Structures are given as structure tokens and as C-alpha cells.
Amino acid sequence: MFKIRPITNVLSILLLTQGLLMLLCCGISMYDHNADAKGILFAGMTTIGAGVLLSLYRRGDTQISKREGYLIVTLSWITMVLFGMLPYLMTGTLHTFHDALFESASGFTTTGATVFKDIEVLSNGILFWRSLTHWIGGMGIIVLTVAIFPLLGVGGVELFVAESPGPTSDKLHPRIKVTARRLWLLYVGLTGALIVCLMLLGMPIFDAFNHAFATMATGGFSTKNSSMILYSPAIQWVVTLFMFLAGANFTVIYFGLTGKLRKVWNSEEFRLYVVLTTIFALGVAVYIHFDHNIVFSKAVRDATFQVVSIMTTTGFVSADYTTWGQGMSMFFFVLLFCGGCAGSTSGAIKIVRHLVFIKNSIFEFKRILHPRAVIRIKINKELVAPRVLTHILVFLLLYLAIFVMGAIVVCFCGMDFTSACGAVATCLGNVGPGLGTVGPAFTFADVPMAAKFVLSFLMVLGRLELFTILVLFTPYFWKRA
């Protein structure tokens, strides 16, 4: 029914790459003379061994269909998450399967939620592995494969569509491999630029690499328990800028860097992204300045940082927004559903879907008054196809339904209502901090075991934007064409 060879080809390449990255982390632990080096080495060799075994399967055709593309994407993420647990388990950093699964899923899905109560006691090898899982997941494991291994022998279009199922179809180049490669190079370039900026501002080189990986992936793993709170205002502003860039459509960033500024501002989604970020940041700054007597310069910095961090689903913390009052807590809870632009590394619903929904809702009132009129929605002066509109509306309905069902299940697992809602919203949206016992000042360490399994699944489901995984549970997917 499905061709096995293209699946094993992709999984073997991913596991070999993952294993080599583990060996890099092993080298860091060895340099520090840390005992974790042995465990990370075993994890890396085990992962490489699994990749070699899968590469031995050479029977069958390498051409894939769209159905096989979705299956490959899902299996790739599951495989990477499962093998990504090994460094935690083999070093004894984490002792239970559910904790290791949660941490690995949080890393690869760029959620940034953690089960570690004290991050600063971890070895540099483990800290670097956590950040690497962010960086790999940021642009997408499949995009990485298509960009770096163009001679893999597996069709790239189906994989890229499955990895990026959003409503936009902008491409930098008509060939999918060239597009993926340019996106990856842009991602690497911005990461390198941020590393240099952080080092010039006084951040230690190790911390600079880790925070740059987490920022450009819109992840949120930090090397410090207090996240970004202890760093200088200059560093916080630079991180804010790069979080904002990471939350923008990478195609738009590419146009901006190549001087095509008209195309940048013609993007309705990007304009709304800029407007919303500015209004929200100023609104929060004014409120906490007057209501909490915070110096205005600090209020602007903290408000801008936290708004950008949550909107882009990065999850870094420069201040605990739950201490700003119930109203602010509710406001940031709503932001958990916002997301950045389509084509970015951020999670959640994405601004373009909100934009299409708002436009369709407004036009629906016009259709009621003029039932015979043909009223079509346009984005960037182009008509939105009825199929795309249906896709977006179904996505929004499914997203809210999954949030409600997930919150109910997590409540039954033993979490209180506020914490359950915050945990499900932040994991499904790949944000990081939530509300209650999983707020910015806390971790997920004390979340019940059953809830961690549920939340781990929701993180992967949200990262692949629902349909990629949910389509596998439909009878249509498994029927012969």
C-alpha cells in the first residue's frame, strides 16, 4: 500500500544527522570533563546505528505520493522525538520516560516548556542538546532534509507541502529544493548574526549560541533559570528584534534583505503583524506603568519583550506577566492563540488565518444584506480560493475543539482548571509558559504523568498544524487509491 524505501531513506538520514549532532554535544561534555559525555556518546552511537540499519533497506521505488509525504513527516517527527530522549535518559539527567518524552517533544516542536526545575545544574552538553533540538525543529526537519540532501531520491514537493500546510504558497524559487535551501541559508544567517550581536553585547559565547538557537527557532529554552531577566536591557532589545524577525514570514524577510521593500509592505499579514505588535506592546506598557508604578522605559521594554515573545510563541521571559494582574494574565492567555506569520518558525494559529477569518466574518454581514451579491475575500489583492477558505475555517474549529477536549482530559489527569487551560493552550500553540502552576515563574515538573503524555502529543500535533497528523486517523487516508 505504501512504498517503504522512501520512508526508510528519510528516517535513516534524519537519524544519522541527529546522531552526529549528539556526538557534537558529547564533544562539549568531554571538553568540560563532564561525566555526561559517556551517556551522550552512547545515545549518539545508538541513534547512528538505527540510521545505518534503516539505510540498508533498498528495495522498492523512491517516488512518493502526497499520502506518503504526510506519513513520512509524521513518522519523522515521532522518530526524532523518541531518539531525542536518549541523551536525557542515558546520562541520568532525567529518570522517567514521560519526563524525557516531554522535554524532547518540547525541544523539537520549539515549545520551550521544560520539566527541569534547576536548569543551571545541567551539563553544557545537555544544555546544548536542548538548544539544538530547538534549532532543528525551528525550520522543520523535513525542510532541513530537502535543503541539505537534495540527492536523497525522494520527491521534495510533497514533503514541503506536508511540513508547511499553511494557507500561503509564496515561494522564493519555483524549484522546491532551491526554495528550501534559501530558507535554510536565511535561517542560518540570521542565527549567526544574532550570535555575533549577543557576544558583542557581553553574553558568554556558550550562552550566545544557545539563546540564538532558541530565539530563531521561536523556542524558549534558556541556559538560565530566570530566562532573560538577568541580561542587560541591550541584550533584551536585540533578542526582541530577532524574535520579531523569526515570527515574520521568511519569504518576506528574504524580499526585505534583497531590497524588494514594496513586496514586504504589500503583505497584508506582515502589516497586521507589525500593527498588532505595536498596539499590544504600547497598551501593556502604559497599563503596567500607571497601574504598577514601573519606570516607563522598563515598562516599554518588558511589555514589548513579553508581547513579542508570546505572539511569536518563543516563550522567553523578561518579567512574570501573571504578576501584572488578572486582566493582563487573561490578555496573555489570549495571545497564546495568536501566533506569528505563516512561513515563520512560530506556532499557534498564525495571523493570516485570523485575518481571513475576520474578513470573512465582516463580509458575511454584507452577504446577509445583499444575498445575491458575489463577495470574495482577497489577501494581498489576490482572491482566496473557496478550498483555502474552507481549510482555514475548519482549522480554526478543530484548533478550538482540540483545546477544549485537551483541557478537559488534562483536568481529569489531576490539574486544576486554570493550569490545565494554560498548559493545553501553550503546548498546542508551541509557546512555553502558560498560567497557574505552569506560568512563567514555574516549570512542568509537577504536571501529572498522564498529562505529560497528552501535552507531548499536543505539542507535535500543534507543530505540524493539525491536519498533517489528523489525516492519518481518517479512513480515507488508508483506502487504496
Protein backbone atom coordinates (compact mmCIF):
# COMPACT_ATOMS: atom_id res chain seq x y z
CA MET A 1 0.00 0.00 0.00
CA PHE A 2 2.82 2.39 0.92
CA LYS A 3 6.33 2.40 -0.50
CA ILE A 4 8.75 1.50 2.29
CA ARG A 5 12.01 2.61 0.71
CA PRO A 6 11.37 6.39 0.63
CA ILE A 7 10.23 6.24 4.27
CA THR A 8 13.35 4.39 5.42
CA ASN A 9 15.55 6.69 3.30
CA VAL A 10 14.28 9.81 5.04
CA LEU A 11 14.28 8.31 8.53
CA SER A 12 17.83 6.99 8.11
CA ILE A 13 19.14 10.41 7.00
CA LEU A 14 17.39 12.12 9.91
CA LEU A 15 18.70 9.64 12.47
CA LEU A 16 22.26 9.81 11.11
CA THR A 17 22.12 13.62 11.28
CA GLN A 18 20.65 13.54 14.76
CA GLY A 19 23.28 11.08 15.94
CA LEU A 20 26.11 13.25 14.63
CA LEU A 21 24.68 16.27 16.45
CA MET A 22 24.60 14.21 19.64
CA LEU A 23 28.30 13.47 19.14
CA LEU A 24 28.88 17.24 18.88
CA CYS A 25 27.22 17.63 22.29
CA CYS A 26 29.37 14.75 23.55
CA GLY A 27 32.45 16.71 22.48
CA ILE A 28 31.29 19.69 24.53
CA SER A 29 30.86 17.49 27.62
CA MET A 30 34.28 15.93 27.04
CA TYR A 31 35.84 19.39 26.77
CA ASP A 32 34.27 20.22 30.15
CA HIS A 33 35.44 16.85 31.56
CA ASN A 34 31.83 16.08 32.45
CA ALA A 35 30.67 12.54 33.19
CA ASP A 36 27.65 13.06 30.93
CA ALA A 37 29.91 12.61 27.90
CA LYS A 38 29.71 8.82 28.10
CA GLY A 39 25.90 8.78 28.15
CA ILE A 40 25.63 11.25 25.28
CA LEU A 41 28.16 9.17 23.31
CA PHE A 42 26.06 6.02 23.78
CA ALA A 43 22.94 7.94 22.76
CA GLY A 44 24.65 9.21 19.61
CA MET A 45 26.02 5.81 18.62
CA THR A 46 22.63 4.18 19.21
CA THR A 47 20.94 6.75 17.02
CA ILE A 48 23.55 6.41 14.26
CA GLY A 49 23.24 2.62 14.45
CA ALA A 50 19.48 2.84 13.96
CA GLY A 51 20.04 5.15 10.99
CA VAL A 52 22.53 2.73 9.42
CA LEU A 53 20.12 -0.20 9.83
CA LEU A 54 17.31 1.71 8.14
CA SER A 55 19.62 2.70 5.28
CA LEU A 56 20.19 -0.98 4.45
CA TYR A 57 16.63 -1.32 3.15
CA ARG A 58 16.99 -0.64 -0.58
CA ARG A 59 14.02 -2.45 -2.13
CA GLY A 60 11.23 -0.58 -3.89
CA ASP A 61 10.58 2.69 -5.71
CA THR A 62 11.71 6.03 -4.28
CA GLN A 63 8.93 8.13 -5.82
CA ILE A 64 6.27 9.10 -3.29
CA SER A 65 2.68 10.25 -3.34
CA LYS A 66 1.17 13.01 -1.25
CA ARG A 67 -0.19 10.45 1.22
CA GLU A 68 3.28 9.01 1.72
CA GLY A 69 4.59 12.55 2.20
CA TYR A 70 2.29 13.11 5.17
CA LEU A 71 3.18 9.71 6.60
CA ILE A 72 6.90 10.44 6.27
CA VAL A 73 6.56 13.81 8.01
CA THR A 74 4.63 12.33 10.93
CA LEU A 75 6.94 9.33 11.33
CA SER A 76 9.98 11.62 11.07
CA TRP A 77 8.84 13.82 13.96
CA ILE A 78 7.86 10.84 16.10
CA THR A 79 11.20 9.15 15.43
CA MET A 80 13.23 12.27 16.14
CA VAL A 81 11.36 12.93 19.38
CA LEU A 82 11.79 9.34 20.58
CA PHE A 83 15.50 9.18 19.82
CA GLY A 84 15.90 12.73 21.12
CA MET A 85 15.08 11.38 24.58
CA LEU A 86 18.19 9.19 24.69
CA PRO A 87 20.71 11.83 25.87
CA TYR A 88 18.45 12.65 28.82
CA LEU A 89 17.89 9.01 29.77
CA MET A 90 21.39 7.63 29.12
CA THR A 91 23.07 10.38 31.14
CA GLY A 92 20.60 10.02 34.01
CA THR A 93 19.62 13.68 33.61
CA LEU A 94 16.00 12.54 33.54
CA HIS A 95 14.94 9.24 35.06
CA THR A 96 11.45 8.67 33.66
CA PHE A 97 10.18 8.04 30.15
CA HIS A 98 7.39 10.61 30.36
CA ASP A 99 9.73 13.40 31.51
CA ALA A 100 12.25 12.63 28.75
CA LEU A 101 9.47 12.41 26.16
CA PHE A 102 8.04 15.76 27.25
CA GLU A 103 11.44 17.50 27.18
CA SER A 104 12.33 16.06 23.78
CA ALA A 105 8.93 16.89 22.27
CA SER A 106 9.14 20.40 23.72
CA GLY A 107 12.56 20.86 22.13
CA PHE A 108 11.82 19.63 18.61
CA THR A 109 8.43 21.36 18.45
CA THR A 110 10.07 24.59 19.70
CA THR A 111 7.60 24.83 22.57
CA GLY A 112 10.16 25.59 25.26
CA ALA A 113 8.22 24.14 28.18
CA THR A 114 10.55 22.22 30.49
CA VAL A 115 10.41 19.69 33.31
CA PHE A 116 13.72 20.88 34.79
CA LYS A 117 13.33 22.87 37.99
CA ASP A 118 17.02 23.87 38.02
CA ILE A 119 18.46 24.32 34.53
CA GLU A 120 21.79 25.71 35.68
CA VAL A 121 22.91 22.40 37.22
CA LEU A 122 22.75 20.67 33.83
CA SER A 123 25.96 19.93 31.94
CA ASN A 124 26.85 22.06 28.93
CA GLY A 125 26.45 19.01 26.69
CA ILE A 126 22.82 18.53 27.74
CA LEU A 127 22.11 22.27 27.58
CA PHE A 128 23.49 22.41 24.05
CA TRP A 129 21.44 19.36 23.05
CA ARG A 130 18.27 21.05 24.29
CA SER A 131 19.06 24.12 22.19
CA LEU A 132 19.95 22.03 19.14
CA THR A 133 16.57 20.28 19.26
CA HIS A 134 15.01 23.75 19.08
CA TRP A 135 17.15 24.78 16.15
CA ILE A 136 16.46 21.61 14.17
CA GLY A 137 12.74 21.86 14.75
CA GLY A 138 12.64 25.58 14.02
CA MET A 139 12.79 25.40 10.26
CA GLY A 140 11.40 21.90 10.16
CA ILE A 141 13.13 18.56 9.99
CA ILE A 142 11.81 17.83 6.53
CA VAL A 143 12.80 21.22 5.10
CA LEU A 144 16.29 20.59 6.51
CA THR A 145 16.40 17.23 4.74
CA VAL A 146 15.21 18.59 1.42
CA ALA A 147 17.64 21.52 1.60
CA ILE A 148 20.79 19.68 2.70
CA PHE A 149 20.27 16.33 0.97
CA PRO A 150 18.87 17.16 -2.48
CA LEU A 151 20.20 13.85 -3.84
CA LEU A 152 18.15 11.83 -1.37
CA GLY A 153 15.99 10.44 -4.13
CA VAL A 154 12.69 11.38 -2.51
CA GLY A 155 10.33 13.93 -4.07
CA GLY A 156 10.54 17.25 -2.26
CA VAL A 157 7.24 18.92 -3.16
CA GLU A 158 5.05 16.53 -1.20
CA LEU A 159 7.29 16.77 1.85
CA PHE A 160 7.42 20.56 1.80
CA VAL A 161 3.62 20.78 1.49
CA ALA A 162 3.15 18.35 4.36
CA GLU A 163 5.63 20.23 6.55
CA SER A 164 4.17 23.66 5.76
CA PRO A 165 0.40 23.20 5.45
CA GLY A 166 -0.45 26.87 5.97
CA PRO A 167 -2.67 28.91 3.65
CA THR A 168 0.10 30.75 1.81
CA SER A 169 2.03 29.40 -1.15
CA ASP A 170 4.72 32.05 -1.68
CA LYS A 171 7.94 30.61 -3.00
CA LEU A 172 11.35 32.17 -3.45
CA HIS A 173 12.06 29.89 -6.40
CA PRO A 174 9.82 27.59 -8.42
CA ARG A 175 12.01 24.59 -7.57
CA ILE A 176 11.12 23.35 -4.11
CA LYS A 177 14.69 22.28 -3.27
CA VAL A 178 16.07 25.71 -4.11
CA THR A 179 13.33 27.31 -2.01
CA ALA A 180 14.10 25.07 0.95
CA ARG A 181 17.83 25.73 0.61
CA ARG A 182 17.37 29.51 0.53
CA LEU A 183 15.08 29.39 3.55
CA TRP A 184 17.64 27.34 5.42
CA LEU A 185 20.51 29.65 4.50
CA LEU A 186 18.43 32.64 5.66
CA TYR A 187 17.71 30.82 8.91
CA VAL A 188 21.41 30.04 9.43
CA GLY A 189 22.44 33.59 8.52
CA LEU A 190 20.05 35.22 10.99
CA THR A 191 21.15 32.79 13.70
CA GLY A 192 24.80 33.67 13.06
CA ALA A 193 24.05 37.40 13.11
CA LEU A 194 22.28 37.06 16.47
CA ILE A 195 25.17 35.08 17.94
CA VAL A 196 27.59 37.85 16.97
CA CYS A 197 25.31 40.58 18.37
CA LEU A 198 24.88 38.79 21.70
CA MET A 199 28.62 38.22 22.06
CA LEU A 200 29.38 41.87 21.27
CA LEU A 201 26.92 42.87 23.99
CA GLY A 202 28.77 40.80 26.56
CA MET A 203 26.90 37.48 26.60
CA PRO A 204 29.27 34.49 27.04
CA ILE A 205 29.83 32.56 23.81
CA PHE A 206 28.11 29.38 25.05
CA ASP A 207 25.03 31.28 26.20
CA ALA A 208 25.03 33.28 22.95
CA PHE A 209 24.83 30.11 20.85
CA ASN A 210 22.10 28.58 23.00
CA HIS A 211 19.93 31.69 23.11
CA ALA A 212 20.40 32.36 19.40
CA PHE A 213 19.25 28.82 18.57
CA ALA A 214 16.21 29.22 20.81
CA THR A 215 15.38 32.70 19.52
CA MET A 216 15.45 31.98 15.78
CA ALA A 217 13.53 28.75 16.35
CA THR A 218 10.99 30.69 18.47
CA GLY A 219 11.65 28.05 21.11
CA GLY A 220 12.44 29.49 24.52
CA PHE A 221 14.91 27.09 26.14
CA SER A 222 17.43 29.13 28.13
CA THR A 223 20.62 28.29 29.98
CA LYS A 224 19.41 30.29 32.99
CA ASN A 225 16.60 29.58 35.45
CA SER A 226 15.45 33.18 35.17
CA SER A 227 15.45 33.07 31.34
CA MET A 228 16.29 36.59 30.03
CA ILE A 229 15.59 38.53 33.22
CA LEU A 230 19.22 38.83 34.35
CA TYR A 231 20.56 40.00 31.00
CA SER A 232 21.11 43.66 30.13
CA PRO A 233 18.44 45.86 28.53
CA ALA A 234 20.51 45.98 25.32
CA ILE A 235 20.52 42.18 25.06
CA GLN A 236 16.79 42.06 25.72
CA TRP A 237 16.12 44.58 22.93
CA VAL A 238 18.28 42.64 20.46
CA VAL A 239 16.54 39.37 21.34
CA THR A 240 13.18 41.13 20.94
CA LEU A 241 14.14 42.25 17.43
CA PHE A 242 15.23 38.77 16.35
CA MET A 243 12.16 37.15 17.91
CA PHE A 244 10.09 39.55 15.83
CA LEU A 245 12.02 38.57 12.69
CA ALA A 246 11.66 34.87 13.50
CA GLY A 247 7.91 35.37 13.78
CA ALA A 248 7.70 37.00 10.34
CA ASN A 249 7.25 35.14 7.06
CA PHE A 250 10.75 34.15 5.95
CA THR A 251 9.80 34.89 2.35
CA VAL A 252 9.00 38.48 3.40
CA ILE A 253 12.34 38.72 5.23
CA TYR A 254 14.11 37.48 2.10
CA PHE A 255 12.40 40.14 -0.01
CA GLY A 256 13.39 42.79 2.52
CA LEU A 257 17.04 41.73 2.53
CA THR A 258 17.14 41.74 -1.27
CA GLY A 259 15.75 45.28 -1.43
CA LYS A 260 12.21 44.42 -2.53
CA LEU A 261 10.61 46.59 0.13
CA ARG A 262 7.40 47.11 -1.82
CA LYS A 263 6.71 43.37 -1.61
CA VAL A 264 7.35 43.48 2.12
CA TRP A 265 4.80 46.19 2.83
CA ASN A 266 2.30 44.74 0.31
CA SER A 267 1.96 41.72 2.58
CA GLU A 268 -1.29 42.27 4.50
CA GLU A 269 -0.29 39.68 7.06
CA PHE A 270 3.04 41.38 7.77
CA ARG A 271 1.38 44.79 8.08
CA LEU A 272 -1.15 43.39 10.56
CA TYR A 273 1.70 41.66 12.41
CA VAL A 274 3.52 45.00 12.81
CA VAL A 275 0.37 46.90 13.81
CA LEU A 276 -0.81 44.34 16.36
CA THR A 277 2.63 44.00 17.95
CA THR A 278 2.97 47.77 18.28
CA ILE A 279 -0.53 48.35 19.68
CA PHE A 280 -0.33 45.45 22.14
CA ALA A 281 3.15 46.42 23.37
CA LEU A 282 2.23 50.07 23.90
CA GLY A 283 -1.05 49.16 25.58
CA VAL A 284 0.64 46.78 28.03
CA ALA A 285 3.44 49.30 28.69
CA VAL A 286 1.03 52.12 29.53
CA TYR A 287 -1.04 49.84 31.77
CA ILE A 288 1.84 48.45 33.85
CA HIS A 289 3.48 51.90 34.04
CA PHE A 290 0.45 53.50 35.66
CA ASP A 291 -1.07 50.52 37.45
CA HIS A 292 2.16 49.02 38.83
CA ASN A 293 4.37 52.13 39.03
CA ILE A 294 7.04 50.65 36.75
CA VAL A 295 9.51 53.11 35.24
CA PHE A 296 8.25 53.86 31.73
CA SER A 297 11.44 52.82 29.92
CA LYS A 298 11.41 49.47 31.73
CA ALA A 299 7.65 49.14 31.19
CA VAL A 300 8.11 49.60 27.44
CA ARG A 301 10.97 47.11 27.34
CA ASP A 302 9.23 44.44 29.41
CA ALA A 303 5.91 44.90 27.60
CA THR A 304 7.48 44.76 24.15
CA PHE A 305 9.62 41.76 25.05
CA GLN A 306 6.74 39.76 26.51
CA VAL A 307 4.24 40.64 23.77
CA VAL A 308 6.70 39.67 21.03
CA SER A 309 7.80 36.57 22.95
CA ILE A 310 4.26 35.24 23.36
CA MET A 311 2.95 36.34 19.94
CA THR A 312 5.86 34.65 18.16
CA THR A 313 5.48 31.62 20.51
CA THR A 314 9.11 31.96 21.63
CA GLY A 315 8.35 31.87 25.33
CA PHE A 316 11.37 33.72 26.73
CA VAL A 317 10.66 35.61 29.94
CA SER A 318 11.91 39.06 30.93
CA ALA A 319 9.16 39.55 33.54
CA ASP A 320 6.38 37.46 35.07
CA TYR A 321 3.26 38.79 33.35
CA THR A 322 0.99 36.90 35.78
CA THR A 323 2.04 39.40 38.48
CA TRP A 324 0.60 42.28 36.43
CA GLY A 325 -2.95 41.42 37.45
CA GLN A 326 -5.78 39.13 36.34
CA GLY A 327 -6.55 41.30 33.32
CA MET A 328 -3.00 41.00 31.98
CA SER A 329 -2.98 37.25 32.65
CA MET A 330 -6.13 36.89 30.57
CA PHE A 331 -4.68 39.10 27.83
CA PHE A 332 -1.53 36.98 27.53
CA PHE A 333 -3.64 33.82 27.64
CA VAL A 334 -5.47 35.07 24.54
CA LEU A 335 -2.10 35.81 22.89
CA LEU A 336 -1.25 32.11 23.24
CA PHE A 337 -3.69 31.54 20.35
CA CYS A 338 -2.32 34.28 18.12
CA GLY A 339 0.94 33.13 16.60
CA GLY A 340 3.25 34.85 14.15
CA CYS A 341 3.11 34.87 10.36
CA ALA A 342 2.68 31.85 8.12
CA GLY A 343 6.04 30.74 6.77
CA SER A 344 7.80 31.60 10.04
CA THR A 345 9.17 29.37 12.78
CA SER A 346 6.37 30.35 15.18
CA GLY A 347 3.44 28.16 16.16
CA ALA A 348 -0.21 28.67 17.19
CA ILE A 349 -2.94 29.69 14.74
CA LYS A 350 -0.96 32.25 12.67
CA ILE A 351 -2.03 35.82 11.86
CA VAL A 352 -3.05 35.13 8.26
CA ARG A 353 -5.73 32.71 9.42
CA HIS A 354 -7.08 35.31 11.84
CA LEU A 355 -7.02 37.85 9.00
CA VAL A 356 -9.00 35.61 6.64
CA PHE A 357 -11.48 34.75 9.40
CA ILE A 358 -12.03 38.42 10.31
CA LYS A 359 -12.51 39.41 6.68
CA ASN A 360 -14.94 36.56 6.05
CA SER A 361 -16.90 37.42 9.21
CA ILE A 362 -17.23 41.08 8.15
CA PHE A 363 -18.25 40.13 4.62
CA GLU A 364 -20.85 37.72 5.99
CA PHE A 365 -22.84 40.71 7.28
CA LYS A 366 -22.63 42.21 3.80
CA ARG A 367 -23.84 38.94 2.28
CA ILE A 368 -26.84 38.98 4.63
CA LEU A 369 -27.84 42.41 3.34
CA HIS A 370 -27.02 41.55 -0.28
CA PRO A 371 -27.73 37.82 -0.67
CA ARG A 372 -27.33 37.87 -4.47
CA ALA A 373 -24.01 39.68 -4.48
CA VAL A 374 -20.83 37.75 -5.22
CA ILE A 375 -18.44 38.82 -2.46
CA ARG A 376 -14.98 37.25 -2.46
CA ILE A 377 -12.16 37.59 0.04
CA LYS A 378 -8.80 38.92 -1.11
CA ILE A 379 -5.41 38.68 0.59
CA ASN A 380 -2.59 40.73 -0.95
CA LYS A 381 -5.04 41.68 -3.73
CA GLU A 382 -5.45 38.03 -4.71
CA LEU A 383 -8.66 36.03 -4.34
CA VAL A 384 -8.71 33.42 -1.60
CA ALA A 385 -9.87 30.18 -3.17
CA PRO A 386 -13.01 28.62 -1.59
CA ARG A 387 -10.99 25.49 -0.79
CA VAL A 388 -8.43 27.55 1.14
CA LEU A 389 -11.17 29.43 2.98
CA THR A 390 -12.81 26.15 3.99
CA HIS A 391 -9.43 24.79 5.09
CA ILE A 392 -8.84 27.82 7.35
CA LEU A 393 -12.31 27.75 8.90
CA VAL A 394 -12.04 24.01 9.58
CA PHE A 395 -8.57 24.54 11.06
CA LEU A 396 -9.89 27.19 13.47
CA LEU A 397 -12.79 24.98 14.53
CA LEU A 398 -10.53 21.97 15.04
CA TYR A 399 -7.98 24.04 16.95
CA LEU A 400 -10.57 25.29 19.42
CA ALA A 401 -12.19 21.86 19.72
CA ILE A 402 -8.83 20.21 20.44
CA PHE A 403 -8.06 22.91 23.02
CA VAL A 404 -11.37 22.29 24.81
CA MET A 405 -11.05 18.50 24.71
CA GLY A 406 -7.40 18.67 25.74
CA ALA A 407 -8.19 20.92 28.70
CA ILE A 408 -10.93 18.51 29.85
CA VAL A 409 -8.61 15.50 29.59
CA VAL A 410 -5.77 17.26 31.41
CA CYS A 411 -8.20 18.30 34.17
CA PHE A 412 -9.16 14.64 34.59
CA CYS A 413 -5.43 13.88 34.85
CA GLY A 414 -5.29 15.94 38.03
CA MET A 415 -4.51 19.55 37.06
CA ASP A 416 -6.59 22.49 38.25
CA PHE A 417 -8.76 24.31 35.68
CA THR A 418 -6.58 27.39 35.21
CA SER A 419 -3.34 25.43 34.93
CA ALA A 420 -4.94 22.87 32.59
CA CYS A 421 -6.20 25.57 30.22
CA GLY A 422 -2.83 27.31 30.28
CA ALA A 423 -0.89 24.08 29.74
CA VAL A 424 -3.01 22.91 26.80
CA ALA A 425 -3.05 26.34 25.14
CA THR A 426 0.71 26.81 25.46
CA CYS A 427 1.59 23.26 24.32
CA LEU A 428 -0.84 23.19 21.40
CA GLY A 429 0.45 26.61 20.32
CA ASN A 430 4.12 25.67 20.98
CA VAL A 431 4.59 28.75 23.18
CA GLY A 432 6.13 27.64 26.50
CA PRO A 433 4.79 29.49 29.56
CA GLY A 434 1.12 29.20 30.47
CA LEU A 435 -0.98 30.09 33.50
CA GLY A 436 -1.30 28.89 37.08
CA THR A 437 1.22 26.23 38.08
CA VAL A 438 2.75 26.28 34.60
CA GLY A 439 3.12 30.08 34.41
CA PRO A 440 6.33 31.98 33.56
CA ALA A 441 7.74 31.53 37.08
CA PHE A 442 7.17 27.74 37.12
CA THR A 443 8.03 24.60 35.14
CA PHE A 444 6.10 21.49 34.07
CA ALA A 445 7.98 19.29 36.54
CA ASP A 446 4.97 18.70 38.78
CA VAL A 447 2.47 18.07 35.97
CA PRO A 448 0.92 14.57 36.39
CA MET A 449 2.43 11.77 34.31
CA ALA A 450 -0.70 11.15 32.21
CA ALA A 451 -0.99 14.88 31.45
CA LYS A 452 2.61 14.95 30.20
CA PHE A 453 1.80 12.28 27.63
CA VAL A 454 -1.24 14.26 26.48
CA LEU A 455 0.68 17.52 26.31
CA SER A 456 3.56 15.87 24.42
CA PHE A 457 1.11 14.70 21.77
CA LEU A 458 -0.47 18.15 21.58
CA MET A 459 2.94 19.75 21.05
CA VAL A 460 3.65 17.58 18.00
CA LEU A 461 0.07 17.97 16.76
CA GLY A 462 0.32 21.76 17.00
CA ARG A 463 3.78 21.89 15.42
CA LEU A 464 2.51 20.04 12.34
CA GLU A 465 -0.63 22.23 12.25
CA LEU A 466 -3.21 19.53 13.00
CA PHE A 467 -4.06 18.21 9.53
CA THR A 468 -0.71 16.51 8.89
CA ILE A 469 -1.30 14.12 11.78
CA LEU A 470 -5.10 14.04 11.96
CA VAL A 471 -5.38 12.96 8.33
CA LEU A 472 -3.71 9.68 9.35
CA PHE A 473 -6.70 8.92 11.60
CA THR A 474 -9.22 9.13 8.76
CA PRO A 475 -10.37 6.04 6.80
CA TYR A 476 -9.79 7.93 3.53
CA PHE A 477 -6.05 8.00 4.15
CA TRP A 478 -5.74 4.22 4.38
CA LYS A 479 -8.00 3.30 1.46
CA ARG A 480 -6.34 2.25 -1.75
CA ALA A 481 -6.44 4.95 -4.41
